Amino acid sequence: MNHLQTLETGIEDIVFVSFKEDWLINNNGLVNLDAKTNEQIHEGYMNTPKKPLGS
């Protein structure tokens, strides 16, 4: 994970979310999610257009 966020990849923030356990880890650290925020993130993720592998 240390090497994912580089100038070459263009990745600015990496986010890990547990919808089951209600937490999020990103550049700002670990955050406990309330039900509303968990739902908003989940809906946003589920509505993200899928890209074909290798794109």
PDB file of N, CA and C in Angstrom:
ATOM      1  N   MET A   1       0.808  -1.184   0.000  1.00  0.00           N
ATOM      2  CA  MET A   1       0.000   0.000   0.000  1.00  0.00           C
ATOM      3  C   MET A   1       0.859   1.258   0.000  1.00  0.00           C
ATOM      4  N   ASN A   2       2.043   1.162   0.548  1.00  0.00           N
ATOM      5  CA  ASN A   2       2.906   2.343   0.599  1.00  0.00           C
ATOM      6  C   ASN A   2       3.214   2.903  -0.772  1.00  0.00           C
ATOM      7  N   HIS A   3       3.268   2.051  -1.782  1.00  0.00           N
ATOM      8  CA  HIS A   3       3.691   2.491  -3.111  1.00  0.00           C
ATOM      9  C   HIS A   3       2.531   2.761  -4.062  1.00  0.00           C
ATOM     10  N   LEU A   4       1.297   2.612  -3.615  1.00  0.00           N
ATOM     11  CA  LEU A   4       0.145   2.884  -4.480  1.00  0.00           C
ATOM     12  C   LEU A   4      -0.038   4.366  -4.734  1.00  0.00           C
ATOM     13  N   GLN A   5       0.259   5.171  -3.744  1.00  0.00           N
ATOM     14  CA  GLN A   5       0.004   6.608  -3.825  1.00  0.00           C
ATOM     15  C   GLN A   5       1.274   7.331  -4.262  1.00  0.00           C
ATOM     16  N   THR A   6       1.485   7.362  -5.571  1.00  0.00           N
ATOM     17  CA  THR A   6       2.669   8.012  -6.123  1.00  0.00           C
ATOM     18  C   THR A   6       2.250   8.980  -7.215  1.00  0.00           C
ATOM     19  N   LEU A   7       3.148   9.836  -7.615  1.00  0.00           N
ATOM     20  CA  LEU A   7       2.856  10.774  -8.697  1.00  0.00           C
ATOM     21  C   LEU A   7       2.543  10.049 -10.000  1.00  0.00           C
ATOM     22  N   GLU A   8       3.188   8.906 -10.223  1.00  0.00           N
ATOM     23  CA  GLU A   8       2.988   8.178 -11.474  1.00  0.00           C
ATOM     24  C   GLU A   8       1.581   7.605 -11.588  1.00  0.00           C
ATOM     25  N   THR A   9       0.985   7.177 -10.469  1.00  0.00           N
ATOM     26  CA  THR A   9      -0.340   6.564 -10.524  1.00  0.00           C
ATOM     27  C   THR A   9      -1.458   7.597 -10.504  1.00  0.00           C
ATOM     28  N   GLY A  10      -1.186   8.780  -9.988  1.00  0.00           N
ATOM     29  CA  GLY A  10      -2.209   9.808  -9.896  1.00  0.00           C
ATOM     30  C   GLY A  10      -3.198   9.597  -8.761  1.00  0.00           C
ATOM     31  N   ILE A  11      -2.950   8.619  -7.918  1.00  0.00           N
ATOM     32  CA  ILE A  11      -3.846   8.336  -6.794  1.00  0.00           C
ATOM     33  C   ILE A  11      -3.549   9.331  -5.676  1.00  0.00           C
ATOM     34  N   GLU A  12      -4.588  10.051  -5.256  1.00  0.00           N
ATOM     35  CA  GLU A  12      -4.420  11.050  -4.202  1.00  0.00           C
ATOM     36  C   GLU A  12      -4.880  10.555  -2.843  1.00  0.00           C
ATOM     37  N   ASP A  13      -5.864   9.663  -2.820  1.00  0.00           N
ATOM     38  CA  ASP A  13      -6.399   9.179  -1.557  1.00  0.00           C
ATOM     39  C   ASP A  13      -6.851   7.736  -1.740  1.00  0.00           C
ATOM     40  N   ILE A  14      -6.491   6.885  -0.820  1.00  0.00           N
ATOM     41  CA  ILE A  14      -6.910   5.489  -0.816  1.00  0.00           C
ATOM     42  C   ILE A  14      -7.875   5.330   0.350  1.00  0.00           C
ATOM     43  N   VAL A  15      -9.015   4.707   0.077  1.00  0.00           N
ATOM     44  CA  VAL A  15     -10.043   4.574   1.102  1.00  0.00           C
ATOM     45  C   VAL A  15     -10.419   3.107   1.264  1.00  0.00           C
ATOM     46  N   PHE A  16     -10.411   2.635   2.512  1.00  0.00           N
ATOM     47  CA  PHE A  16     -10.911   1.307   2.856  1.00  0.00           C
ATOM     48  C   PHE A  16     -12.125   1.512   3.750  1.00  0.00           C
ATOM     49  N   VAL A  17     -13.227   0.830   3.418  1.00  0.00           N
ATOM     50  CA  VAL A  17     -14.462   0.987   4.182  1.00  0.00           C
ATOM     51  C   VAL A  17     -14.972  -0.382   4.595  1.00  0.00           C
ATOM     52  N   SER A  18     -15.403  -0.478   5.839  1.00  0.00           N
ATOM     53  CA  SER A  18     -16.127  -1.659   6.291  1.00  0.00           C
ATOM     54  C   SER A  18     -17.567  -1.244   6.540  1.00  0.00           C
ATOM     55  N   PHE A  19     -18.462  -1.645   5.633  1.00  0.00           N
ATOM     56  CA  PHE A  19     -19.873  -1.338   5.816  1.00  0.00           C
ATOM     57  C   PHE A  19     -20.445  -2.158   6.958  1.00  0.00           C
ATOM     58  N   LYS A  20     -19.910  -3.336   7.163  1.00  0.00           N
ATOM     59  CA  LYS A  20     -20.387  -4.226   8.225  1.00  0.00           C
ATOM     60  C   LYS A  20     -19.994  -3.704   9.604  1.00  0.00           C
ATOM     61  N   GLU A  21     -18.758  -3.221   9.734  1.00  0.00           N
ATOM     62  CA  GLU A  21     -18.244  -2.776  11.036  1.00  0.00           C
ATOM     63  C   GLU A  21     -18.286  -1.258  11.223  1.00  0.00           C
ATOM     64  N   ASP A  22     -18.750  -0.524  10.206  1.00  0.00           N
ATOM     65  CA  ASP A  22     -18.937   0.931  10.280  1.00  0.00           C
ATOM     66  C   ASP A  22     -17.657   1.725  10.543  1.00  0.00           C
ATOM     67  N   TRP A  23     -16.610   1.453   9.740  1.00  0.00           N
ATOM     68  CA  TRP A  23     -15.400   2.255   9.849  1.00  0.00           C
ATOM     69  C   TRP A  23     -14.856   2.559   8.462  1.00  0.00           C
ATOM     70  N   LEU A  24     -13.998   3.578   8.407  1.00  0.00           N
ATOM     71  CA  LEU A  24     -13.358   4.016   7.179  1.00  0.00           C
ATOM     72  C   LEU A  24     -11.923   4.397   7.504  1.00  0.00           C
ATOM     73  N   ILE A  25     -10.995   3.996   6.646  1.00  0.00           N
ATOM     74  CA  ILE A  25      -9.594   4.410   6.768  1.00  0.00           C
ATOM     75  C   ILE A  25      -9.218   5.114   5.469  1.00  0.00           C
ATOM     76  N   ASN A  26      -8.662   6.336   5.601  1.00  0.00           N
ATOM     77  CA  ASN A  26      -8.171   7.073   4.431  1.00  0.00           C
ATOM     78  C   ASN A  26      -6.935   7.860   4.843  1.00  0.00           C
ATOM     79  N   ASN A  27      -6.568   8.866   4.046  1.00  0.00           N
ATOM     80  CA  ASN A  27      -5.377   9.660   4.366  1.00  0.00           C
ATOM     81  C   ASN A  27      -5.486  10.366   5.710  1.00  0.00           C
ATOM     82  N   ASN A  28      -6.704  10.581   6.173  1.00  0.00           N
ATOM     83  CA  ASN A  28      -6.911  11.267   7.443  1.00  0.00           C
ATOM     84  C   ASN A  28      -6.912  10.333   8.650  1.00  0.00           C
ATOM     85  N   GLY A  29      -6.857   9.036   8.415  1.00  0.00           N
ATOM     86  CA  GLY A  29      -6.823   8.072   9.509  1.00  0.00           C
ATOM     87  C   GLY A  29      -8.085   7.227   9.579  1.00  0.00           C
ATOM     88  N   LEU A  30      -8.354   6.696  10.776  1.00  0.00           N
ATOM     89  CA  LEU A  30      -9.489   5.818  11.031  1.00  0.00           C
ATOM     90  C   LEU A  30     -10.664   6.627  11.541  1.00  0.00           C
ATOM     91  N   VAL A  31     -11.842   6.383  10.968  1.00  0.00           N
ATOM     92  CA  VAL A  31     -13.054   7.104  11.354  1.00  0.00           C
ATOM     93  C   VAL A  31     -14.168   6.096  11.586  1.00  0.00           C
ATOM     94  N   ASN A  32     -14.899   6.250  12.680  1.00  0.00           N
ATOM     95  CA  ASN A  32     -16.118   5.475  12.891  1.00  0.00           C
ATOM     96  C   ASN A  32     -17.239   6.140  12.121  1.00  0.00           C
ATOM     97  N   LEU A  33     -18.024   5.349  11.390  1.00  0.00           N
ATOM     98  CA  LEU A  33     -19.102   5.878  10.578  1.00  0.00           C
ATOM     99  C   LEU A  33     -20.433   5.769  11.312  1.00  0.00           C
ATOM    100  N   ASP A  34     -21.219   6.856  11.239  1.00  0.00           N
ATOM    101  CA  ASP A  34     -22.585   6.758  11.735  1.00  0.00           C
ATOM    102  C   ASP A  34     -23.423   6.122  10.625  1.00  0.00           C
ATOM    103  N   ALA A  35     -24.646   5.743  10.948  1.00  0.00           N
ATOM    104  CA  ALA A  35     -25.492   5.026   9.990  1.00  0.00           C
ATOM    105  C   ALA A  35     -25.734   5.837   8.724  1.00  0.00           C
ATOM    106  N   LYS A  36     -25.956   7.146   8.857  1.00  0.00           N
ATOM    107  CA  LYS A  36     -26.237   7.996   7.700  1.00  0.00           C
ATOM    108  C   LYS A  36     -25.028   8.064   6.765  1.00  0.00           C
ATOM    109  N   THR A  37     -23.834   8.283   7.318  1.00  0.00           N
ATOM    110  CA  THR A  37     -22.623   8.372   6.497  1.00  0.00           C
ATOM    111  C   THR A  37     -22.326   7.035   5.839  1.00  0.00           C
ATOM    112  N   ASN A  38     -22.503   5.945   6.581  1.00  0.00           N
ATOM    113  CA  ASN A  38     -22.303   4.604   6.033  1.00  0.00           C
ATOM    114  C   ASN A  38     -23.213   4.404   4.828  1.00  0.00           C
ATOM    115  N   GLU A  39     -24.482   4.786   4.955  1.00  0.00           N
ATOM    116  CA  GLU A  39     -25.442   4.624   3.867  1.00  0.00           C
ATOM    117  C   GLU A  39     -25.066   5.482   2.661  1.00  0.00           C
ATOM    118  N   GLN A  40     -24.634   6.729   2.901  1.00  0.00           N
ATOM    119  CA  GLN A  40     -24.243   7.625   1.808  1.00  0.00           C
ATOM    120  C   GLN A  40     -23.051   7.064   1.035  1.00  0.00           C
ATOM    121  N   ILE A  41     -22.063   6.574   1.748  1.00  0.00           N
ATOM    122  CA  ILE A  41     -20.875   6.010   1.093  1.00  0.00           C
ATOM    123  C   ILE A  41     -21.261   4.755   0.321  1.00  0.00           C
ATOM    124  N   HIS A  42     -22.072   3.912   0.930  1.00  0.00           N
ATOM    125  CA  HIS A  42     -22.493   2.667   0.278  1.00  0.00           C
ATOM    126  C   HIS A  42     -23.265   2.960  -1.008  1.00  0.00           C
ATOM    127  N   GLU A  43     -24.198   3.906  -0.961  1.00  0.00           N
ATOM    128  CA  GLU A  43     -24.966   4.275  -2.153  1.00  0.00           C
ATOM    129  C   GLU A  43     -24.053   4.840  -3.237  1.00  0.00           C
ATOM    130  N   GLY A  44     -23.107   5.688  -2.844  1.00  0.00           N
ATOM    131  CA  GLY A  44     -22.164   6.243  -3.812  1.00  0.00           C
ATOM    132  C   GLY A  44     -21.320   5.168  -4.464  1.00  0.00           C
ATOM    133  N   TYR A  45     -20.875   4.213  -3.669  1.00  0.00           N
ATOM    134  CA  TYR A  45     -20.060   3.110  -4.193  1.00  0.00           C
ATOM    135  C   TYR A  45     -20.881   2.245  -5.150  1.00  0.00           C
ATOM    136  N   MET A  46     -22.101   1.927  -4.766  1.00  0.00           N
ATOM    137  CA  MET A  46     -22.935   1.059  -5.590  1.00  0.00           C
ATOM    138  C   MET A  46     -23.345   1.747  -6.894  1.00  0.00           C
ATOM    139  N   ASN A  47     -23.354   3.085  -6.934  1.00  0.00           N
ATOM    140  CA  ASN A  47     -23.729   3.825  -8.136  1.00  0.00           C
ATOM    141  C   ASN A  47     -22.538   4.229  -8.998  1.00  0.00           C
ATOM    142  N   THR A  48     -21.328   3.847  -8.589  1.00  0.00           N
ATOM    143  CA  THR A  48     -20.132   4.153  -9.366  1.00  0.00           C
ATOM    144  C   THR A  48     -20.108   3.290 -10.626  1.00  0.00           C
ATOM    145  N   PRO A  49     -19.963   3.893 -11.807  1.00  0.00           N
ATOM    146  CA  PRO A  49     -19.899   3.090 -13.036  1.00  0.00           C
ATOM    147  C   PRO A  49     -18.725   2.115 -12.979  1.00  0.00           C
ATOM    148  N   LYS A  50     -18.965   0.934 -13.432  1.00  0.00           N
ATOM    149  CA  LYS A  50     -17.929  -0.106 -13.453  1.00  0.00           C
ATOM    150  C   LYS A  50     -17.071   0.048 -14.696  1.00  0.00           C
ATOM    151  N   LYS A  51     -15.763  -0.139 -14.527  1.00  0.00           N
ATOM    152  CA  LYS A  51     -14.848  -0.080 -15.657  1.00  0.00           C
ATOM    153  C   LYS A  51     -14.403  -1.503 -15.979  1.00  0.00           C
ATOM    154  N   PRO A  52     -14.255  -1.815 -17.259  1.00  0.00           N
ATOM    155  CA  PRO A  52     -13.738  -3.136 -17.633  1.00  0.00           C
ATOM    156  C   PRO A  52     -12.317  -3.309 -17.117  1.00  0.00           C
ATOM    157  N   LEU A  53     -11.949  -4.537 -16.788  1.00  0.00           N
ATOM    158  CA  LEU A  53     -10.583  -4.810 -16.339  1.00  0.00           C
ATOM    159  C   LEU A  53      -9.596  -4.384 -17.415  1.00  0.00           C
ATOM    160  N   GLY A  54      -8.473  -3.817 -16.995  1.00  0.00           N
ATOM    161  CA  GLY A  54      -7.443  -3.376 -17.912  1.00  0.00           C
ATOM    162  C   GLY A  54      -7.640  -1.978 -18.442  1.00  0.00           C
ATOM    163  N   SER A  55      -8.665  -1.280 -17.948  1.00  0.00           N
ATOM    164  CA  SER A  55      -8.920   0.094 -18.424  1.00  0.00           C
ATOM    165  C   SER A  55      -8.057   1.083 -17.700  1.00  0.00           C
TER     166      SER A  55
END
